[in-house]
Amino acid sequence: MPVIVNSQLQLGKTMEYRLSIQADLNGFSFSIVDDKQHKPLYVYASDFSMDRDDMALFSKRCSEILKNTPVLRGHFKKVEIIYGTEKYSLIPAALHETGNELKELSALHKLDDLDEINIAEVKSEGMKILFAVNSTFLNVIKEYQPNFSIFPTVYPFIKFLPYFSEHNKILFHYIKGAVNIVASEGNRVIFCNTFPVIHFNSALYFLLLALKETQFNPELTTVYVGGNIKDLEIFDISKYFSSIKYFRNPSIPLPDQFAEMKYSSMMFEL
């Protein structure tokens, strides 16, 4: 269903806009953003979620949206895909050897036959992210938007968290099924991991574990939150940390906190 509909969106002018597609445990969503005007023109969220055990069904449902939404077949200035996966590995760019991606990623994760390995570089951190994407889903995207860049969910957190003003900050992104945690000291990322979790309390445990590993002082640490987090759960986080904010692009704000938590990654130009 549409989350934001702006009357300024014109189908004939899509070459001026950026299309961002997000596929994660929340489901399939997309945004059309006018980066020059710092304005989201259209934001859409599906009424179905992603079941990683049935990516064929998820891909079929995504295909139906792409097929039945005319604007998604337009030509855009840039098309970016943000894909939710726990199957990733961060390596220093200087140590990356082309051709060894399968060996390096399969040493950490159990890969499926339909997993396709992609690479995203975070130049500011001097690192590359190897990550697996379901090829059935990729083929659906290619059918309608053959030219795109794809990134794992953690990519915008790693790239943009260091630019936020606080010295010690932790990104906490929770959707039932997984929690992404990224910690930055100044402008340097020092911790990044994704943990499988079903309950918020388990996610909170891993947040406190990250705090212990980074040796941050909770009184001097800001937690940036995103995903599906209730007000009461934010209150639980505030018992341990003095400052909590939403992970968001201040240049392209969304209308409310729920939209900020779910869709803010698509407001960043990657």
Protein backbone atom coordinates (compact mmCIF):
# COMPACT_ATOMS: atom_id res chain seq x y z
CA MET A 1 0.00 0.00 0.00
CA PRO A 2 1.20 3.58 -0.60
CA VAL A 3 2.82 5.28 2.40
CA ILE A 4 3.56 8.61 0.68
CA VAL A 5 1.99 9.89 -2.54
CA ASN A 6 3.20 13.26 -3.85
CA SER A 7 1.33 15.01 -6.64
CA GLN A 8 4.65 16.23 -8.07
CA LEU A 9 5.54 12.73 -9.26
CA GLN A 10 5.33 12.70 -13.05
CA LEU A 11 5.80 9.46 -14.96
CA GLY A 12 7.50 11.29 -17.81
CA LYS A 13 10.20 12.70 -15.54
CA THR A 14 11.46 9.57 -13.82
CA MET A 15 14.94 10.10 -15.30
CA GLU A 16 15.28 12.92 -12.76
CA TYR A 17 14.54 10.63 -9.82
CA ARG A 18 16.14 7.79 -7.87
CA LEU A 19 14.31 4.51 -7.39
CA SER A 20 15.19 2.59 -4.24
CA ILE A 21 13.81 -0.89 -3.60
CA GLN A 22 14.03 -2.54 -0.19
CA ALA A 23 13.50 -6.28 0.26
CA ASP A 24 13.82 -7.56 3.82
CA LEU A 25 11.87 -9.33 6.55
CA ASN A 26 9.35 -6.47 6.46
CA GLY A 27 8.55 -7.37 2.87
CA PHE A 28 8.93 -5.42 -0.37
CA SER A 29 8.95 -1.63 -0.39
CA PHE A 30 10.16 1.06 -2.74
CA SER A 31 10.64 4.81 -2.84
CA ILE A 32 10.98 7.36 -5.61
CA VAL A 33 13.10 10.27 -4.43
CA ASP A 34 13.90 13.65 -5.94
CA ASP A 35 17.41 14.10 -4.53
CA LYS A 36 17.72 17.65 -5.91
CA GLN A 37 14.65 18.77 -4.01
CA HIS A 38 15.38 16.48 -1.03
CA LYS A 39 11.89 15.06 -1.26
CA PRO A 40 10.34 11.58 -1.35
CA LEU A 41 7.72 11.60 -4.10
CA TYR A 42 6.36 8.11 -3.53
CA VAL A 43 6.85 5.43 -0.89
CA TYR A 44 5.14 2.05 -1.10
CA ALA A 45 5.11 -0.93 1.29
CA SER A 46 3.77 -4.40 0.56
CA ASP A 47 1.24 -6.17 2.76
CA PHE A 48 3.34 -9.34 2.79
CA SER A 49 6.63 -10.16 4.50
CA MET A 50 9.71 -12.07 3.38
CA ASP A 51 9.90 -15.74 4.29
CA ARG A 52 13.52 -16.74 3.69
CA ASP A 53 12.43 -20.38 3.52
CA ASP A 54 10.16 -19.63 0.56
CA MET A 55 11.92 -17.05 -1.58
CA ALA A 56 10.11 -18.35 -4.68
CA LEU A 57 6.78 -17.15 -3.28
CA PHE A 58 8.28 -13.85 -2.13
CA SER A 59 9.82 -13.28 -5.56
CA LYS A 60 6.51 -14.07 -7.26
CA ARG A 61 4.71 -11.50 -5.12
CA CYS A 62 7.40 -8.91 -5.85
CA SER A 63 7.03 -9.64 -9.56
CA GLU A 64 3.29 -8.96 -9.36
CA ILE A 65 3.94 -5.54 -7.81
CA LEU A 66 6.55 -4.68 -10.44
CA LYS A 67 4.24 -5.83 -13.22
CA ASN A 68 1.19 -3.94 -11.97
CA THR A 69 2.88 -0.67 -10.97
CA PRO A 70 3.58 1.36 -14.15
CA VAL A 71 6.05 3.75 -12.53
CA LEU A 72 8.35 0.84 -11.63
CA ARG A 73 8.87 0.17 -15.33
CA GLY A 74 10.13 3.70 -15.94
CA HIS A 75 13.70 4.80 -16.60
CA PHE A 76 15.36 6.33 -13.55
CA LYS A 77 18.49 8.33 -12.89
CA LYS A 78 19.59 5.58 -10.56
CA VAL A 79 18.13 2.32 -9.26
CA GLU A 80 19.34 0.97 -5.91
CA ILE A 81 18.32 -2.27 -4.20
CA ILE A 82 18.70 -2.81 -0.44
CA TYR A 83 18.51 -6.52 0.31
CA GLY A 84 18.10 -8.08 3.74
CA THR A 85 20.56 -10.89 4.36
CA GLU A 86 22.62 -12.22 7.24
CA LYS A 87 24.95 -13.91 4.76
CA TYR A 88 27.67 -11.31 4.43
CA SER A 89 31.30 -10.76 5.26
CA LEU A 90 33.29 -7.55 5.71
CA ILE A 91 36.87 -7.62 4.48
CA PRO A 92 39.54 -4.93 4.00
CA ALA A 93 39.47 -3.84 0.36
CA ALA A 94 43.24 -4.30 0.14
CA LEU A 95 42.88 -8.00 1.03
CA HIS A 96 40.08 -8.77 -1.39
CA GLU A 97 41.08 -11.24 -4.09
CA THR A 98 38.77 -11.35 -7.07
CA GLY A 99 37.55 -14.88 -7.69
CA ASN A 100 37.73 -16.00 -4.05
CA GLU A 101 34.32 -14.64 -3.04
CA LEU A 102 32.57 -18.01 -2.92
CA LYS A 103 35.32 -19.56 -0.80
CA GLU A 104 35.43 -16.64 1.63
CA LEU A 105 31.68 -16.34 2.10
CA SER A 106 30.98 -20.07 2.32
CA ALA A 107 33.59 -20.31 5.10
CA LEU A 108 31.26 -18.20 7.25
CA HIS A 109 27.78 -19.05 5.99
CA LYS A 110 25.88 -21.98 4.56
CA LEU A 111 25.03 -20.89 1.03
CA ASP A 112 22.05 -22.17 -0.93
CA ASP A 113 22.15 -23.30 -4.54
CA LEU A 114 20.24 -20.18 -5.59
CA ASP A 115 22.48 -17.76 -3.69
CA GLU A 116 24.38 -15.34 -5.91
CA ILE A 117 27.37 -13.52 -4.44
CA ASN A 118 27.59 -9.76 -4.86
CA ILE A 119 30.13 -7.18 -3.73
CA ALA A 120 29.55 -3.70 -2.31
CA GLU A 121 32.43 -1.38 -1.49
CA VAL A 122 32.46 1.15 1.35
CA LYS A 123 35.31 3.37 0.22
CA SER A 124 35.20 5.59 3.30
CA GLU A 125 35.94 2.54 5.46
CA GLY A 126 38.36 0.88 3.03
CA MET A 127 36.26 -2.28 3.07
CA LYS A 128 34.24 -4.51 0.82
CA ILE A 129 31.13 -6.44 1.73
CA LEU A 130 30.60 -9.86 0.19
CA PHE A 131 26.95 -10.89 0.43
CA ALA A 132 24.54 -13.47 -0.89
CA VAL A 133 21.34 -12.61 -2.75
CA ASN A 134 18.64 -15.03 -3.87
CA SER A 135 18.99 -15.31 -7.65
CA THR A 136 15.25 -15.81 -8.23
CA PHE A 137 14.60 -12.42 -6.64
CA LEU A 138 17.44 -10.86 -8.63
CA ASN A 139 16.03 -12.17 -11.90
CA VAL A 140 12.66 -10.60 -11.10
CA ILE A 141 14.32 -7.22 -10.61
CA LYS A 142 16.38 -7.60 -13.80
CA GLU A 143 13.23 -8.25 -15.82
CA TYR A 144 11.88 -4.78 -15.03
CA GLN A 145 14.99 -2.78 -14.10
CA PRO A 146 18.06 -4.38 -15.74
CA ASN A 147 20.49 -1.67 -14.59
CA PHE A 148 20.79 -1.37 -10.83
CA SER A 149 23.19 -1.43 -7.89
CA ILE A 150 22.52 -3.79 -5.00
CA PHE A 151 23.57 -3.49 -1.35
CA PRO A 152 23.00 -5.49 1.85
CA THR A 153 20.82 -3.98 4.57
CA VAL A 154 23.89 -3.15 6.68
CA TYR A 155 25.47 -1.06 3.90
CA PRO A 156 23.75 2.29 4.60
CA PHE A 157 24.38 1.81 8.33
CA ILE A 158 28.09 1.23 7.77
CA LYS A 159 28.41 4.05 5.27
CA PHE A 160 26.46 6.80 7.00
CA LEU A 161 26.57 6.09 10.76
CA PRO A 162 30.16 7.42 11.07
CA TYR A 163 29.01 10.81 9.72
CA PHE A 164 26.59 11.40 12.57
CA SER A 165 27.94 13.91 15.06
CA GLU A 166 28.28 11.78 18.20
CA HIS A 167 31.64 10.16 18.89
CA ASN A 168 30.28 6.83 20.14
CA LYS A 169 27.17 5.53 18.39
CA ILE A 170 25.50 2.18 17.84
CA LEU A 171 23.00 1.34 15.13
CA PHE A 172 20.29 -1.05 16.32
CA HIS A 173 18.00 -2.29 13.54
CA TYR A 174 15.50 -4.92 14.63
CA ILE A 175 12.86 -6.80 12.66
CA LYS A 176 11.44 -10.00 14.12
CA GLY A 177 13.84 -12.62 12.81
CA ALA A 178 17.06 -10.59 12.77
CA VAL A 179 18.88 -7.70 14.42
CA ASN A 180 21.62 -5.68 12.71
CA ILE A 181 24.10 -3.94 14.99
CA VAL A 182 26.80 -1.53 13.81
CA ALA A 183 29.03 0.49 16.15
CA SER A 184 31.12 3.48 15.18
CA GLU A 185 33.79 5.29 17.16
CA GLY A 186 34.19 8.71 15.61
CA ASN A 187 34.23 8.16 11.86
CA ARG A 188 35.42 4.55 12.08
CA VAL A 189 33.23 1.44 12.19
CA ILE A 190 34.52 -0.95 14.86
CA PHE A 191 31.70 -3.50 15.11
CA CYS A 192 29.19 -4.99 12.69
CA ASN A 193 27.13 -8.16 12.94
CA THR A 194 23.68 -9.60 12.28
CA PHE A 195 22.09 -12.02 14.72
CA PRO A 196 19.03 -14.27 14.26
CA VAL A 197 16.44 -13.31 16.89
CA ILE A 198 12.74 -13.97 17.32
CA HIS A 199 12.11 -11.78 20.36
CA PHE A 200 13.07 -8.21 21.18
CA ASN A 201 14.69 -9.24 24.47
CA SER A 202 17.15 -11.38 22.51
CA ALA A 203 17.93 -8.42 20.27
CA LEU A 204 18.48 -6.24 23.34
CA TYR A 205 20.87 -8.87 24.71
CA PHE A 206 23.01 -8.59 21.56
CA LEU A 207 22.93 -4.80 21.80
CA LEU A 208 24.35 -5.00 25.31
CA LEU A 209 26.87 -7.57 24.13
CA ALA A 210 28.03 -5.12 21.44
CA LEU A 211 28.31 -2.44 24.12
CA LYS A 212 30.57 -4.74 26.13
CA GLU A 213 32.74 -5.62 23.14
CA THR A 214 33.21 -2.00 22.08
CA GLN A 215 33.77 -0.91 25.70
CA PHE A 216 31.61 2.16 25.09
CA ASN A 217 30.30 4.11 28.06
CA PRO A 218 26.47 3.87 27.79
CA GLU A 219 26.15 7.34 29.30
CA LEU A 220 28.17 8.72 26.38
CA THR A 221 26.74 6.53 23.63
CA THR A 222 23.88 7.29 21.25
CA VAL A 223 21.77 4.40 19.95
CA TYR A 224 20.22 4.91 16.52
CA VAL A 225 17.19 2.68 16.06
CA GLY A 226 15.37 1.34 13.03
CA GLY A 227 13.15 -1.52 11.90
CA ASN A 228 10.08 -2.61 13.87
CA ILE A 229 10.53 -1.32 17.40
CA LYS A 230 7.65 -0.42 19.70
CA ASP A 231 7.62 2.59 22.02
CA LEU A 232 7.81 0.31 25.06
CA GLU A 233 10.87 -1.41 23.58
CA ILE A 234 12.54 1.95 23.01
CA PHE A 235 11.82 2.65 26.66
CA ASP A 236 13.62 -0.59 27.54
CA ILE A 237 16.67 0.56 25.57
CA SER A 238 16.61 3.88 27.42
CA LYS A 239 17.19 2.02 30.68
CA TYR A 240 20.73 1.34 29.49
CA PHE A 241 21.56 4.28 27.21
CA SER A 242 21.15 8.00 27.80
CA SER A 243 20.49 8.96 24.17
CA ILE A 244 18.27 7.27 21.55
CA LYS A 245 17.56 8.62 18.07
CA TYR A 246 16.06 7.39 14.83
CA PHE A 247 18.42 6.41 12.04
CA ARG A 248 17.33 8.85 9.34
CA ASN A 249 18.53 11.13 6.59
CA PRO A 250 18.02 14.63 8.05
CA SER A 251 17.95 16.10 4.53
CA ILE A 252 15.01 13.91 3.46
CA PRO A 253 12.69 13.47 6.45
CA LEU A 254 9.73 11.10 6.45
CA PRO A 255 6.34 12.03 7.96
CA ASP A 256 6.46 10.03 11.21
CA GLN A 257 8.62 7.80 13.39
CA PHE A 258 7.17 4.57 12.00
CA ALA A 259 8.07 5.52 8.43
CA GLU A 260 11.50 6.69 9.59
CA MET A 261 12.28 3.36 11.23
CA LYS A 262 11.09 1.20 8.33
CA TYR A 263 12.02 3.18 5.22
CA SER A 264 14.78 5.67 6.11
CA SER A 265 17.54 3.60 4.46
CA MET A 266 15.89 4.32 1.11
CA MET A 267 16.22 8.07 1.71
CA PHE A 268 20.02 7.83 1.48
CA GLU A 269 21.64 7.91 -1.94
CA LEU A 270 24.04 4.97 -1.79
